[in-house]
Amino acid sequence: MNLKEVFLGLAVLILTFFVITYGINAISPQPKYEDFCTPSLWQQTQPLNETSCFELGGKWHSQDIKCIKQPCPHGYCDQEYSCRRAYNLNLERYNMNVFLIAVPLGIILILLGAYFFSLDAVGVGIMGGGLGSILKGLTSYWAYTSDVVRFLISLVGLVIVIYFGYKFQDRIKGKKKK
């Protein structure tokens, strides 16, 4: 490949990745923290105690402290406890959806790039975009999985890449002979 083909391949790779990323966000927008935890909920004049903290969706944390001024609070309120939990659950669900969409789409793009584009620069760019899609899908849900699941995903990915590497080898040799 000459330099023009390299840049064409890079452009296709970057734009493919952007299409996937923004396509997923258009279909399923990422949850926003502000939609779950609004500061106006906690604007009040009276000091919080365990009961009022719980009623507003917070979590009270008791602590033994030496009081300098009265009234002595004997704890503090994690004001965003409930809304943060709801946000985190929605974020995990969103990241699972990204994983379930991006990884299979990336595999499809790698196969399309390898077998259906006669212009090498475009095919390589599509394959690179597919690889980027797989990385996006894996990294979005990686934090929520166990080491065993990470190992299995990595092993399956390695086996697939080695398998298709051998499949592509025949095609590349065929092009060089011509």
Protein backbone atom coordinates (compact mmCIF):
# COMPACT_ATOMS: atom_id res chain seq x y z
CA MET A 1 0.00 0.00 0.00
CA ASN A 2 1.22 3.48 -0.78
CA LEU A 3 0.83 6.50 1.50
CA LYS A 4 -2.48 7.59 -0.04
CA GLU A 5 -3.95 4.17 0.59
CA VAL A 6 -2.72 4.24 4.19
CA PHE A 7 -4.44 7.56 4.81
CA LEU A 8 -7.61 6.35 3.10
CA GLY A 9 -7.58 3.26 5.32
CA LEU A 10 -7.07 5.40 8.44
CA ALA A 11 -9.91 7.71 7.42
CA VAL A 12 -12.24 4.74 6.89
CA LEU A 13 -11.16 3.27 10.25
CA ILE A 14 -11.81 6.51 12.19
CA LEU A 15 -15.10 7.27 10.48
CA THR A 16 -16.31 3.68 10.90
CA PHE A 17 -15.59 3.89 14.62
CA PHE A 18 -17.43 7.25 14.87
CA VAL A 19 -20.44 5.86 12.99
CA ILE A 20 -20.64 2.92 15.40
CA THR A 21 -20.15 5.04 18.53
CA TYR A 22 -22.65 7.75 17.64
CA GLY A 23 -25.07 5.26 16.12
CA ILE A 24 -25.24 3.37 19.42
CA ASN A 25 -25.65 6.64 21.34
CA ALA A 26 -28.43 7.75 18.97
CA ILE A 27 -30.32 4.51 19.50
CA SER A 28 -29.62 4.18 23.22
CA PRO A 29 -28.38 7.39 24.88
CA GLN A 30 -25.98 7.07 27.79
CA PRO A 31 -27.66 7.90 31.12
CA LYS A 32 -26.74 11.24 32.68
CA TYR A 33 -26.02 11.56 36.38
CA GLU A 34 -28.02 14.79 36.60
CA ASP A 35 -31.16 12.95 35.47
CA PHE A 36 -31.00 10.79 38.60
CA CYS A 37 -29.43 13.03 41.25
CA THR A 38 -30.84 16.54 41.22
CA PRO A 39 -29.34 19.02 43.72
CA SER A 40 -32.74 20.68 44.28
CA LEU A 41 -33.90 17.60 46.19
CA TRP A 42 -31.52 18.42 49.03
CA GLN A 43 -32.04 22.17 49.28
CA GLN A 44 -33.54 22.63 52.72
CA THR A 45 -32.95 24.75 55.76
CA GLN A 46 -33.15 22.24 58.59
CA PRO A 47 -30.18 20.01 59.43
CA LEU A 48 -30.44 16.38 58.35
CA ASN A 49 -30.85 13.58 60.85
CA GLU A 50 -31.12 9.85 60.26
CA THR A 51 -34.88 9.94 59.65
CA SER A 52 -34.95 12.91 57.26
CA CYS A 53 -31.90 11.55 55.42
CA PHE A 54 -33.67 8.21 54.81
CA GLU A 55 -36.93 9.90 53.76
CA LEU A 56 -35.10 11.89 51.09
CA GLY A 57 -33.39 8.77 49.68
CA GLY A 58 -30.06 9.14 51.42
CA LYS A 59 -28.13 6.74 53.61
CA TRP A 60 -27.14 7.68 57.15
CA HIS A 61 -23.66 6.80 58.33
CA SER A 62 -23.26 6.82 62.10
CA GLN A 63 -20.02 7.96 63.63
CA ASP A 64 -18.81 8.70 67.12
CA ILE A 65 -17.30 12.14 67.24
CA LYS A 66 -16.43 14.63 69.92
CA CYS A 67 -18.77 17.59 69.51
CA ILE A 68 -17.55 21.14 69.73
CA LYS A 69 -20.88 22.80 69.01
CA GLN A 70 -24.49 21.77 69.55
CA PRO A 71 -26.54 20.11 68.15
CA CYS A 72 -24.09 17.23 67.68
CA PRO A 73 -24.88 15.26 64.50
CA HIS A 74 -23.33 11.83 65.41
CA GLY A 75 -23.17 10.94 61.74
CA TYR A 76 -23.62 12.20 58.23
CA CYS A 77 -25.98 11.70 55.35
CA ASP A 78 -24.83 10.31 52.01
CA GLN A 79 -27.42 12.39 50.20
CA GLU A 80 -27.01 10.82 46.77
CA TYR A 81 -27.03 7.18 47.89
CA SER A 82 -30.33 6.07 46.30
CA CYS A 83 -30.12 8.16 43.16
CA ARG A 84 -26.48 7.14 42.63
CA ARG A 85 -27.46 3.46 42.90
CA ALA A 86 -30.24 3.99 40.33
CA TYR A 87 -27.81 5.82 38.03
CA ASN A 88 -25.17 3.07 38.37
CA LEU A 89 -27.73 0.36 37.55
CA ASN A 90 -28.84 2.26 34.44
CA LEU A 91 -25.22 2.87 33.43
CA GLU A 92 -24.43 -0.84 33.80
CA ARG A 93 -27.47 -1.72 31.65
CA TYR A 94 -26.38 0.82 29.03
CA ASN A 95 -22.83 -0.59 28.99
CA MET A 96 -24.20 -4.12 28.62
CA ASN A 97 -26.19 -2.95 25.59
CA VAL A 98 -23.07 -1.33 24.11
CA PHE A 99 -21.22 -4.62 24.62
CA LEU A 100 -24.02 -6.67 23.02
CA ILE A 101 -24.20 -4.34 20.01
CA ALA A 102 -20.57 -3.32 19.45
CA VAL A 103 -18.82 -6.70 19.73
CA PRO A 104 -20.95 -8.61 17.18
CA LEU A 105 -20.98 -5.56 14.89
CA GLY A 106 -17.19 -5.39 15.11
CA ILE A 107 -16.88 -9.05 14.17
CA ILE A 108 -19.20 -8.51 11.20
CA LEU A 109 -17.17 -5.48 10.08
CA ILE A 110 -13.91 -7.43 10.25
CA LEU A 111 -15.42 -10.16 8.10
CA LEU A 112 -16.87 -7.63 5.64
CA GLY A 113 -13.57 -5.80 5.41
CA ALA A 114 -11.67 -9.02 4.79
CA TYR A 115 -13.96 -10.59 2.21
CA PHE A 116 -16.12 -7.98 0.46
CA PHE A 117 -13.98 -4.94 -0.33
CA SER A 118 -11.71 -5.22 -3.34
CA LEU A 119 -9.85 -2.00 -2.49
CA ASP A 120 -7.37 -3.02 0.22
CA ALA A 121 -7.28 0.40 1.92
CA VAL A 122 -11.06 0.41 2.40
CA GLY A 123 -11.13 -3.22 3.54
CA VAL A 124 -8.35 -2.63 6.06
CA GLY A 125 -10.10 0.53 7.28
CA ILE A 126 -13.38 -1.35 7.76
CA MET A 127 -11.52 -4.11 9.59
CA GLY A 128 -9.82 -1.54 11.82
CA GLY A 129 -13.19 0.07 12.54
CA GLY A 130 -14.48 -3.39 13.44
CA LEU A 131 -11.58 -3.88 15.82
CA GLY A 132 -12.32 -0.47 17.36
CA SER A 133 -15.95 -1.50 17.76
CA ILE A 134 -14.93 -4.69 19.55
CA LEU A 135 -12.62 -2.71 21.85
CA LYS A 136 -15.40 -0.23 22.62
CA GLY A 137 -17.81 -3.03 23.44
CA LEU A 138 -15.33 -4.89 25.62
CA THR A 139 -14.09 -1.87 27.53
CA SER A 140 -17.61 -0.58 28.16
CA TYR A 141 -18.61 -3.69 30.11
CA TRP A 142 -15.17 -4.86 31.28
CA ALA A 143 -15.47 -3.30 34.77
CA TYR A 144 -18.67 -5.24 35.49
CA THR A 145 -17.29 -8.68 34.69
CA SER A 146 -15.26 -11.15 36.71
CA ASP A 147 -11.73 -12.28 35.87
CA VAL A 148 -13.09 -15.63 34.65
CA VAL A 149 -15.42 -13.92 32.16
CA ARG A 150 -12.60 -11.59 31.05
CA PHE A 151 -10.36 -14.61 30.52
CA LEU A 152 -13.02 -16.43 28.49
CA ILE A 153 -13.78 -13.39 26.34
CA SER A 154 -10.06 -12.87 25.70
CA LEU A 155 -9.54 -16.55 24.87
CA VAL A 156 -12.47 -16.65 22.45
CA GLY A 157 -11.24 -13.44 20.82
CA LEU A 158 -7.73 -14.84 20.43
CA VAL A 159 -9.02 -18.07 18.89
CA ILE A 160 -11.21 -16.12 16.44
CA VAL A 161 -8.35 -13.83 15.40
CA ILE A 162 -5.97 -16.76 14.87
CA TYR A 163 -8.62 -18.66 12.90
CA PHE A 164 -9.38 -15.74 10.61
CA GLY A 165 -5.68 -14.98 10.31
CA TYR A 166 -5.21 -18.37 8.70
CA LYS A 167 -8.31 -17.85 6.54
CA PHE A 168 -7.03 -14.43 5.34
CA GLN A 169 -3.57 -15.88 4.67
CA ASP A 170 -4.90 -17.85 1.70
CA ARG A 171 -6.61 -14.78 0.28
CA ILE A 172 -3.49 -12.61 0.67
CA LYS A 173 -1.30 -15.24 -1.01
CA GLY A 174 -3.81 -15.42 -3.85
CA LYS A 175 -3.58 -11.66 -4.45
CA LYS A 176 0.23 -11.68 -4.46
CA LYS A 177 0.36 -14.38 -7.16
CA LYS A 178 -1.70 -12.29 -9.59
